[in-house]
Amino acid sequence: MSRHAAVALYVVAMVVIIVGVDFLFLRDRFWERLAVNIGIVVVFAVFYFLFLRRS
């Protein structure tokens, strides 16, 4: 798999998780939803910089 395809797949997985969490748990809660979405993005970014960027 090429590098660009792997990064694109990683971003798509992050978006799917964010949208799924929003619809399943945080539909009518704006501030909680914003905080959780920021947290998910931070976790994905840390994981990317620690493990996936080395290639």
PDB file of N, CA and C in Angstrom:
ATOM      1  N   MET A   1       0.851  -1.172   0.000  1.00  0.00           N
ATOM      2  CA  MET A   1       0.000   0.000   0.000  1.00  0.00           C
ATOM      3  C   MET A   1       0.899   1.238   0.000  1.00  0.00           C
ATOM      4  N   SER A   2       0.558   2.199  -0.811  1.00  0.00           N
ATOM      5  CA  SER A   2       1.394   3.390  -0.870  1.00  0.00           C
ATOM      6  C   SER A   2       1.202   4.251   0.382  1.00  0.00           C
ATOM      7  N   ARG A   3       2.122   5.129   0.586  1.00  0.00           N
ATOM      8  CA  ARG A   3       2.111   6.007   1.771  1.00  0.00           C
ATOM      9  C   ARG A   3       0.878   6.900   1.794  1.00  0.00           C
ATOM     10  N   HIS A   4       0.506   7.464   0.645  1.00  0.00           N
ATOM     11  CA  HIS A   4      -0.646   8.353   0.583  1.00  0.00           C
ATOM     12  C   HIS A   4      -1.949   7.607   0.826  1.00  0.00           C
ATOM     13  N   ALA A   5      -2.034   6.402   0.341  1.00  0.00           N
ATOM     14  CA  ALA A   5      -3.238   5.602   0.559  1.00  0.00           C
ATOM     15  C   ALA A   5      -3.379   5.232   2.035  1.00  0.00           C
ATOM     16  N   ALA A   6      -2.271   4.946   2.685  1.00  0.00           N
ATOM     17  CA  ALA A   6      -2.314   4.606   4.105  1.00  0.00           C
ATOM     18  C   ALA A   6      -2.755   5.802   4.944  1.00  0.00           C
ATOM     19  N   VAL A   7      -2.242   6.986   4.632  1.00  0.00           N
ATOM     20  CA  VAL A   7      -2.639   8.191   5.364  1.00  0.00           C
ATOM     21  C   VAL A   7      -4.103   8.505   5.100  1.00  0.00           C
ATOM     22  N   ALA A   8      -4.547   8.349   3.870  1.00  0.00           N
ATOM     23  CA  ALA A   8      -5.952   8.591   3.545  1.00  0.00           C
ATOM     24  C   ALA A   8      -6.858   7.617   4.291  1.00  0.00           C
ATOM     25  N   LEU A   9      -6.464   6.368   4.368  1.00  0.00           N
ATOM     26  CA  LEU A   9      -7.235   5.373   5.104  1.00  0.00           C
ATOM     27  C   LEU A   9      -7.268   5.705   6.601  1.00  0.00           C
ATOM     28  N   TYR A  10      -6.185   6.196   7.129  1.00  0.00           N
ATOM     29  CA  TYR A  10      -6.090   6.603   8.527  1.00  0.00           C
ATOM     30  C   TYR A  10      -7.039   7.761   8.816  1.00  0.00           C
ATOM     31  N   VAL A  11      -7.079   8.747   7.926  1.00  0.00           N
ATOM     32  CA  VAL A  11      -7.977   9.897   8.099  1.00  0.00           C
ATOM     33  C   VAL A  11      -9.429   9.466   7.978  1.00  0.00           C
ATOM     34  N   VAL A  12      -9.731   8.594   7.048  1.00  0.00           N
ATOM     35  CA  VAL A  12     -11.104   8.096   6.893  1.00  0.00           C
ATOM     36  C   VAL A  12     -11.537   7.336   8.146  1.00  0.00           C
ATOM     37  N   ALA A  13     -10.655   6.543   8.725  1.00  0.00           N
ATOM     38  CA  ALA A  13     -10.977   5.826   9.964  1.00  0.00           C
ATOM     39  C   ALA A  13     -11.255   6.804  11.095  1.00  0.00           C
ATOM     40  N   MET A  14     -10.479   7.878  11.187  1.00  0.00           N
ATOM     41  CA  MET A  14     -10.705   8.881  12.226  1.00  0.00           C
ATOM     42  C   MET A  14     -12.060   9.544  12.042  1.00  0.00           C
ATOM     43  N   VAL A  15     -12.410   9.901  10.824  1.00  0.00           N
ATOM     44  CA  VAL A  15     -13.694  10.546  10.555  1.00  0.00           C
ATOM     45  C   VAL A  15     -14.845   9.608  10.884  1.00  0.00           C
ATOM     46  N   VAL A  16     -14.727   8.353  10.525  1.00  0.00           N
ATOM     47  CA  VAL A  16     -15.778   7.375  10.816  1.00  0.00           C
ATOM     48  C   VAL A  16     -15.984   7.228  12.325  1.00  0.00           C
ATOM     49  N   ILE A  17     -14.915   7.190  13.076  1.00  0.00           N
ATOM     50  CA  ILE A  17     -15.030   7.078  14.534  1.00  0.00           C
ATOM     51  C   ILE A  17     -15.664   8.330  15.126  1.00  0.00           C
ATOM     52  N   ILE A  18     -15.268   9.510  14.656  1.00  0.00           N
ATOM     53  CA  ILE A  18     -15.848  10.752  15.178  1.00  0.00           C
ATOM     54  C   ILE A  18     -17.338  10.826  14.873  1.00  0.00           C
ATOM     55  N   VAL A  19     -17.730  10.546  13.656  1.00  0.00           N
ATOM     56  CA  VAL A  19     -19.149  10.604  13.285  1.00  0.00           C
ATOM     57  C   VAL A  19     -19.943   9.540  14.033  1.00  0.00           C
ATOM     58  N   GLY A  20     -19.387   8.360  14.194  1.00  0.00           N
ATOM     59  CA  GLY A  20     -20.086   7.304  14.932  1.00  0.00           C
ATOM     60  C   GLY A  20     -20.314   7.668  16.385  1.00  0.00           C
ATOM     61  N   VAL A  21     -19.301   8.206  17.034  1.00  0.00           N
ATOM     62  CA  VAL A  21     -19.447   8.618  18.433  1.00  0.00           C
ATOM     63  C   VAL A  21     -20.457   9.747  18.542  1.00  0.00           C
ATOM     64  N   ASP A  22     -20.425  10.690  17.613  1.00  0.00           N
ATOM     65  CA  ASP A  22     -21.380  11.804  17.629  1.00  0.00           C
ATOM     66  C   ASP A  22     -22.820  11.303  17.538  1.00  0.00           C
ATOM     67  N   PHE A  23     -23.092  10.424  16.607  1.00  0.00           N
ATOM     68  CA  PHE A  23     -24.458   9.953  16.420  1.00  0.00           C
ATOM     69  C   PHE A  23     -24.918   8.999  17.509  1.00  0.00           C
ATOM     70  N   LEU A  24     -24.009   8.185  18.027  1.00  0.00           N
ATOM     71  CA  LEU A  24     -24.421   7.199  19.024  1.00  0.00           C
ATOM     72  C   LEU A  24     -24.578   7.772  20.423  1.00  0.00           C
ATOM     73  N   PHE A  25     -23.708   8.696  20.819  1.00  0.00           N
ATOM     74  CA  PHE A  25     -23.681   9.111  22.215  1.00  0.00           C
ATOM     75  C   PHE A  25     -23.938  10.591  22.457  1.00  0.00           C
ATOM     76  N   LEU A  26     -23.558  11.459  21.537  1.00  0.00           N
ATOM     77  CA  LEU A  26     -23.526  12.886  21.840  1.00  0.00           C
ATOM     78  C   LEU A  26     -24.368  13.720  20.877  1.00  0.00           C
ATOM     79  N   ARG A  27     -25.536  13.259  20.562  1.00  0.00           N
ATOM     80  CA  ARG A  27     -26.339  13.909  19.540  1.00  0.00           C
ATOM     81  C   ARG A  27     -26.736  15.340  19.899  1.00  0.00           C
ATOM     82  N   ASP A  28     -27.176  15.607  21.118  1.00  0.00           N
ATOM     83  CA  ASP A  28     -27.697  16.926  21.490  1.00  0.00           C
ATOM     84  C   ASP A  28     -26.837  17.642  22.522  1.00  0.00           C
ATOM     85  N   ARG A  29     -25.590  17.305  22.618  1.00  0.00           N
ATOM     86  CA  ARG A  29     -24.703  17.914  23.610  1.00  0.00           C
ATOM     87  C   ARG A  29     -23.525  18.558  22.897  1.00  0.00           C
ATOM     88  N   PHE A  30     -23.612  19.875  22.687  1.00  0.00           N
ATOM     89  CA  PHE A  30     -22.608  20.555  21.859  1.00  0.00           C
ATOM     90  C   PHE A  30     -21.221  20.554  22.496  1.00  0.00           C
ATOM     91  N   TRP A  31     -21.102  21.019  23.735  1.00  0.00           N
ATOM     92  CA  TRP A  31     -19.776  21.179  24.348  1.00  0.00           C
ATOM     93  C   TRP A  31     -19.104  19.848  24.626  1.00  0.00           C
ATOM     94  N   GLU A  32     -19.877  18.855  25.055  1.00  0.00           N
ATOM     95  CA  GLU A  32     -19.301  17.528  25.265  1.00  0.00           C
ATOM     96  C   GLU A  32     -18.838  16.926  23.940  1.00  0.00           C
ATOM     97  N   ARG A  33     -19.641  17.150  22.912  1.00  0.00           N
ATOM     98  CA  ARG A  33     -19.309  16.642  21.586  1.00  0.00           C
ATOM     99  C   ARG A  33     -18.022  17.273  21.081  1.00  0.00           C
ATOM    100  N   LEU A  34     -17.890  18.589  21.246  1.00  0.00           N
ATOM    101  CA  LEU A  34     -16.687  19.289  20.822  1.00  0.00           C
ATOM    102  C   LEU A  34     -15.459  18.780  21.574  1.00  0.00           C
ATOM    103  N   ALA A  35     -15.584  18.605  22.874  1.00  0.00           N
ATOM    104  CA  ALA A  35     -14.459  18.125  23.677  1.00  0.00           C
ATOM    105  C   ALA A  35     -14.050  16.711  23.276  1.00  0.00           C
ATOM    106  N   VAL A  36     -15.010  15.848  23.076  1.00  0.00           N
ATOM    107  CA  VAL A  36     -14.708  14.463  22.692  1.00  0.00           C
ATOM    108  C   VAL A  36     -14.083  14.416  21.299  1.00  0.00           C
ATOM    109  N   ASN A  37     -14.591  15.218  20.370  1.00  0.00           N
ATOM    110  CA  ASN A  37     -14.016  15.245  19.020  1.00  0.00           C
ATOM    111  C   ASN A  37     -12.571  15.730  19.036  1.00  0.00           C
ATOM    112  N   ILE A  38     -12.301  16.761  19.823  1.00  0.00           N
ATOM    113  CA  ILE A  38     -10.925  17.244  19.946  1.00  0.00           C
ATOM    114  C   ILE A  38     -10.043  16.163  20.560  1.00  0.00           C
ATOM    115  N   GLY A  39     -10.554  15.469  21.564  1.00  0.00           N
ATOM    116  CA  GLY A  39      -9.802  14.386  22.191  1.00  0.00           C
ATOM    117  C   GLY A  39      -9.484  13.263  21.217  1.00  0.00           C
ATOM    118  N   ILE A  40     -10.441  12.893  20.393  1.00  0.00           N
ATOM    119  CA  ILE A  40     -10.223  11.830  19.409  1.00  0.00           C
ATOM    120  C   ILE A  40      -9.153  12.248  18.402  1.00  0.00           C
ATOM    121  N   VAL A  41      -9.216  13.490  17.938  1.00  0.00           N
ATOM    122  CA  VAL A  41      -8.225  13.980  16.977  1.00  0.00           C
ATOM    123  C   VAL A  41      -6.835  13.998  17.612  1.00  0.00           C
ATOM    124  N   VAL A  42      -6.750  14.399  18.870  1.00  0.00           N
ATOM    125  CA  VAL A  42      -5.455  14.428  19.556  1.00  0.00           C
ATOM    126  C   VAL A  42      -4.888  13.019  19.701  1.00  0.00           C
ATOM    127  N   VAL A  43      -5.725  12.073  20.074  1.00  0.00           N
ATOM    128  CA  VAL A  43      -5.266  10.681  20.206  1.00  0.00           C
ATOM    129  C   VAL A  43      -4.775  10.149  18.861  1.00  0.00           C
ATOM    130  N   PHE A  44      -5.521  10.410  17.792  1.00  0.00           N
ATOM    131  CA  PHE A  44      -5.091   9.962  16.468  1.00  0.00           C
ATOM    132  C   PHE A  44      -3.782  10.634  16.066  1.00  0.00           C
ATOM    133  N   ALA A  45      -3.628  11.930  16.367  1.00  0.00           N
ATOM    134  CA  ALA A  45      -2.403  12.647  16.007  1.00  0.00           C
ATOM    135  C   ALA A  45      -1.200  12.093  16.771  1.00  0.00           C
ATOM    136  N   VAL A  46      -1.367  11.839  18.067  1.00  0.00           N
ATOM    137  CA  VAL A  46      -0.268  11.286  18.865  1.00  0.00           C
ATOM    138  C   VAL A  46       0.121   9.907  18.343  1.00  0.00           C
ATOM    139  N   PHE A  47      -0.876   9.073  18.063  1.00  0.00           N
ATOM    140  CA  PHE A  47      -0.603   7.741  17.527  1.00  0.00           C
ATOM    141  C   PHE A  47       0.128   7.835  16.190  1.00  0.00           C
ATOM    142  N   TYR A  48      -0.287   8.770  15.344  1.00  0.00           N
ATOM    143  CA  TYR A  48       0.365   8.943  14.042  1.00  0.00           C
ATOM    144  C   TYR A  48       1.818   9.353  14.212  1.00  0.00           C
ATOM    145  N   PHE A  49       2.062  10.364  15.047  1.00  0.00           N
ATOM    146  CA  PHE A  49       3.435  10.854  15.203  1.00  0.00           C
ATOM    147  C   PHE A  49       4.343   9.845  15.909  1.00  0.00           C
ATOM    148  N   LEU A  50       3.795   9.013  16.775  1.00  0.00           N
ATOM    149  CA  LEU A  50       4.624   8.039  17.463  1.00  0.00           C
ATOM    150  C   LEU A  50       4.932   6.802  16.642  1.00  0.00           C
ATOM    151  N   PHE A  51       3.958   6.328  15.854  1.00  0.00           N
ATOM    152  CA  PHE A  51       4.118   5.028  15.213  1.00  0.00           C
ATOM    153  C   PHE A  51       4.114   5.040  13.689  1.00  0.00           C
ATOM    154  N   LEU A  52       3.363   5.912  13.073  1.00  0.00           N
ATOM    155  CA  LEU A  52       3.183   5.803  11.635  1.00  0.00           C
ATOM    156  C   LEU A  52       4.061   6.743  10.823  1.00  0.00           C
ATOM    157  N   ARG A  53       4.580   7.763  11.417  1.00  0.00           N
ATOM    158  CA  ARG A  53       5.368   8.743  10.675  1.00  0.00           C
ATOM    159  C   ARG A  53       6.779   8.248  10.388  1.00  0.00           C
ATOM    160  N   ARG A  54       7.222   7.239  11.024  1.00  0.00           N
ATOM    161  CA  ARG A  54       8.617   6.759  10.901  1.00  0.00           C
ATOM    162  C   ARG A  54       8.913   6.158   9.543  1.00  0.00           C
ATOM    163  N   SER A  55       7.915   5.754   8.805  1.00  0.00           N
ATOM    164  CA  SER A  55       8.148   5.083   7.522  1.00  0.00           C
ATOM    165  C   SER A  55       8.741   6.009   6.497  1.00  0.00           C
TER     166      SER A  55
END
